């Protein structure tokens, strides 16, 4: 039997609304992906940013479902 895991809460770094946090993380991801030239600067940081964006989107979708 599969047991559902609880949704992880995104780290609350600031008191910004979720939409603004999402926008900031997406901009940070874009900058990290562009890097300097054709090489990635830190692939682990990019992966972490993608996970944070997914957690924020999950929170947004959960709050919209409650409405």
N, C-alpha and C. Protein backbone atom coordinates (compact mmCIF):
# COMPACT_ATOMS: atom_id res chain seq x y z
N UNK A 1 0.83 -1.18 0.00
CA UNK A 1 0.00 0.00 0.00
C UNK A 1 0.87 1.24 0.00
N UNK A 2 0.49 2.18 -0.77
CA UNK A 2 1.22 3.45 -0.83
C UNK A 2 0.62 4.43 0.18
N UNK A 3 1.47 5.03 0.93
CA UNK A 3 1.04 6.00 1.92
C UNK A 3 1.42 7.38 1.41
N UNK A 4 0.45 8.28 1.39
CA UNK A 4 0.73 9.64 0.92
C UNK A 4 1.57 10.37 1.93
N UNK A 5 2.58 11.06 1.42
CA UNK A 5 3.42 11.87 2.30
C UNK A 5 2.78 13.25 2.45
N UNK A 6 3.03 13.87 3.56
CA UNK A 6 2.53 15.22 3.78
C UNK A 6 3.27 16.18 2.85
N UNK A 7 2.60 17.21 2.43
CA UNK A 7 3.20 18.20 1.55
C UNK A 7 4.22 18.98 2.36
N UNK A 8 5.44 19.07 1.79
CA UNK A 8 6.48 19.82 2.48
C UNK A 8 6.19 21.31 2.34
N UNK A 9 6.41 22.01 3.41
CA UNK A 9 6.20 23.45 3.39
C UNK A 9 7.44 24.11 2.81
N UNK A 10 7.24 25.07 1.93
CA UNK A 10 8.37 25.83 1.39
C UNK A 10 8.94 26.69 2.50
N UNK A 11 10.23 26.88 2.43
CA UNK A 11 10.87 27.71 3.44
C UNK A 11 10.33 29.13 3.34
N UNK A 12 9.94 29.67 4.46
CA UNK A 12 9.45 31.03 4.48
C UNK A 12 10.64 31.95 4.72
N UNK A 13 11.24 32.39 3.63
CA UNK A 13 12.41 33.26 3.73
C UNK A 13 11.95 34.68 4.00
N UNK A 14 10.86 35.05 3.37
CA UNK A 14 10.35 36.40 3.56
C UNK A 14 8.84 36.33 3.76
N UNK A 15 8.28 37.46 4.07
CA UNK A 15 6.83 37.51 4.29
C UNK A 15 6.10 37.95 3.04
N UNK A 16 6.74 37.73 1.88
CA UNK A 16 6.11 38.07 0.61
C UNK A 16 4.99 37.08 0.31
N UNK A 17 3.99 37.52 -0.43
CA UNK A 17 2.96 36.57 -0.87
C UNK A 17 3.58 35.49 -1.76
N UNK A 18 2.91 34.37 -1.86
CA UNK A 18 3.45 33.25 -2.62
C UNK A 18 3.72 33.62 -4.08
N UNK A 19 2.86 34.45 -4.67
CA UNK A 19 3.06 34.83 -6.07
C UNK A 19 4.38 35.58 -6.25
N UNK A 20 4.69 36.47 -5.32
CA UNK A 20 5.93 37.24 -5.42
C UNK A 20 7.14 36.35 -5.13
N UNK A 21 7.01 35.40 -4.21
CA UNK A 21 8.10 34.46 -3.94
C UNK A 21 8.38 33.63 -5.19
N UNK A 22 7.30 33.20 -5.85
CA UNK A 22 7.44 32.39 -7.06
C UNK A 22 8.16 33.18 -8.15
N UNK A 23 7.77 34.43 -8.33
CA UNK A 23 8.39 35.28 -9.34
C UNK A 23 9.88 35.45 -9.05
N UNK A 24 10.24 35.68 -7.80
CA UNK A 24 11.64 35.88 -7.42
C UNK A 24 12.45 34.61 -7.66
N UNK A 25 11.89 33.46 -7.31
CA UNK A 25 12.61 32.19 -7.51
C UNK A 25 12.79 31.88 -8.99
N UNK A 26 11.79 32.19 -9.80
CA UNK A 26 11.91 31.95 -11.24
C UNK A 26 12.98 32.84 -11.85
N UNK A 27 13.06 34.09 -11.40
CA UNK A 27 14.10 34.99 -11.89
C UNK A 27 15.48 34.49 -11.47
N UNK A 28 15.58 34.01 -10.23
CA UNK A 28 16.84 33.48 -9.73
C UNK A 28 17.26 32.24 -10.53
N UNK A 29 16.29 31.39 -10.87
CA UNK A 29 16.56 30.20 -11.67
C UNK A 29 17.05 30.58 -13.06
N UNK A 30 16.42 31.57 -13.67
CA UNK A 30 16.81 32.01 -15.00
C UNK A 30 18.25 32.51 -14.99
N UNK A 31 18.60 33.29 -14.00
CA UNK A 31 19.97 33.81 -13.88
C UNK A 31 20.96 32.67 -13.68
N UNK A 32 20.59 31.70 -12.84
CA UNK A 32 21.48 30.56 -12.58
C UNK A 32 21.66 29.70 -13.83
N UNK A 33 20.60 29.55 -14.62
CA UNK A 33 20.70 28.74 -15.83
C UNK A 33 21.53 29.42 -16.91
N UNK A 34 21.48 30.74 -16.97
CA UNK A 34 22.25 31.45 -17.98
C UNK A 34 23.74 31.33 -17.70
N UNK A 35 24.11 31.49 -16.45
CA UNK A 35 25.51 31.33 -16.07
C UNK A 35 26.43 32.23 -16.86
N UNK A 36 27.67 31.88 -16.87
CA UNK A 36 28.67 32.60 -17.65
C UNK A 36 29.07 31.73 -18.83
N UNK A 37 28.66 32.11 -20.01
CA UNK A 37 28.98 31.32 -21.19
C UNK A 37 28.09 30.11 -21.31
N UNK A 38 28.68 29.02 -21.75
CA UNK A 38 27.88 27.82 -22.00
C UNK A 38 27.96 26.80 -20.87
N UNK A 39 28.73 27.08 -19.82
CA UNK A 39 28.84 26.12 -18.72
C UNK A 39 27.90 26.48 -17.59
N UNK A 40 27.37 25.47 -16.94
CA UNK A 40 26.53 25.69 -15.78
C UNK A 40 27.41 26.04 -14.59
N UNK A 41 26.95 26.98 -13.80
CA UNK A 41 27.74 27.39 -12.66
C UNK A 41 27.62 26.41 -11.50
N UNK A 42 26.42 26.03 -11.16
CA UNK A 42 26.22 25.12 -10.05
C UNK A 42 24.94 24.32 -10.28
N UNK A 43 25.05 23.12 -10.84
CA UNK A 43 23.86 22.33 -11.13
C UNK A 43 23.07 21.94 -9.89
N UNK A 44 23.73 21.83 -8.74
CA UNK A 44 23.02 21.48 -7.51
C UNK A 44 22.13 22.64 -7.06
N UNK A 45 22.59 23.86 -7.26
CA UNK A 45 21.80 25.04 -6.90
C UNK A 45 20.57 25.14 -7.81
N UNK A 46 20.75 24.83 -9.08
CA UNK A 46 19.63 24.87 -10.03
C UNK A 46 18.57 23.84 -9.64
N UNK A 47 19.01 22.65 -9.26
CA UNK A 47 18.08 21.60 -8.84
C UNK A 47 17.32 22.02 -7.58
N UNK A 48 18.01 22.65 -6.65
CA UNK A 48 17.38 23.11 -5.41
C UNK A 48 16.35 24.20 -5.72
N UNK A 49 16.67 25.10 -6.64
CA UNK A 49 15.73 26.15 -7.01
C UNK A 49 14.48 25.57 -7.64
N UNK A 50 14.64 24.57 -8.50
CA UNK A 50 13.48 23.92 -9.13
C UNK A 50 12.57 23.27 -8.08
N UNK A 51 13.18 22.67 -7.06
CA UNK A 51 12.39 22.04 -6.00
C UNK A 51 11.64 23.09 -5.19
N UNK A 52 12.29 24.22 -4.91
CA UNK A 52 11.63 25.29 -4.17
C UNK A 52 10.46 25.86 -4.96
N UNK A 53 10.65 26.02 -6.27
CA UNK A 53 9.56 26.51 -7.12
C UNK A 53 8.40 25.52 -7.10
N UNK A 54 8.70 24.24 -7.17
CA UNK A 54 7.64 23.22 -7.13
C UNK A 54 6.88 23.26 -5.81
N UNK A 55 7.59 23.47 -4.70
CA UNK A 55 6.93 23.54 -3.39
C UNK A 55 6.03 24.77 -3.30
N UNK A 56 6.49 25.89 -3.84
CA UNK A 56 5.66 27.10 -3.82
C UNK A 56 4.41 26.89 -4.67
N UNK A 57 4.57 26.29 -5.85
CA UNK A 57 3.43 26.01 -6.71
C UNK A 57 2.45 25.06 -6.03
N UNK A 58 2.96 24.09 -5.29
CA UNK A 58 2.10 23.16 -4.56
C UNK A 58 1.30 23.90 -3.50
N UNK A 59 1.94 24.83 -2.79
CA UNK A 59 1.23 25.61 -1.79
C UNK A 59 0.17 26.47 -2.45
N UNK A 60 0.49 27.09 -3.58
CA UNK A 60 -0.48 27.93 -4.29
C UNK A 60 -1.69 27.10 -4.70
N UNK A 61 -1.43 25.93 -5.28
CA UNK A 61 -2.52 25.06 -5.73
C UNK A 61 -3.35 24.55 -4.55
N UNK A 62 -2.71 24.29 -3.43
CA UNK A 62 -3.45 23.83 -2.26
C UNK A 62 -4.35 24.91 -1.71
N UNK A 63 -3.88 26.15 -1.70
CA UNK A 63 -4.71 27.24 -1.18
C UNK A 63 -5.84 27.56 -2.15
N UNK A 64 -5.61 27.42 -3.44
CA UNK A 64 -6.67 27.66 -4.42
C UNK A 64 -7.73 26.57 -4.33
N UNK A 65 -7.33 25.35 -3.99
CA UNK A 65 -8.27 24.26 -3.84
C UNK A 65 -9.18 24.43 -2.64
N UNK A 66 -8.69 25.14 -1.63
CA UNK A 66 -9.48 25.37 -0.41
C UNK A 66 -10.57 26.41 -0.62
N UNK A 67 -10.40 27.23 -1.63
CA UNK A 67 -11.38 28.32 -1.85
C UNK A 67 -12.66 27.83 -2.42
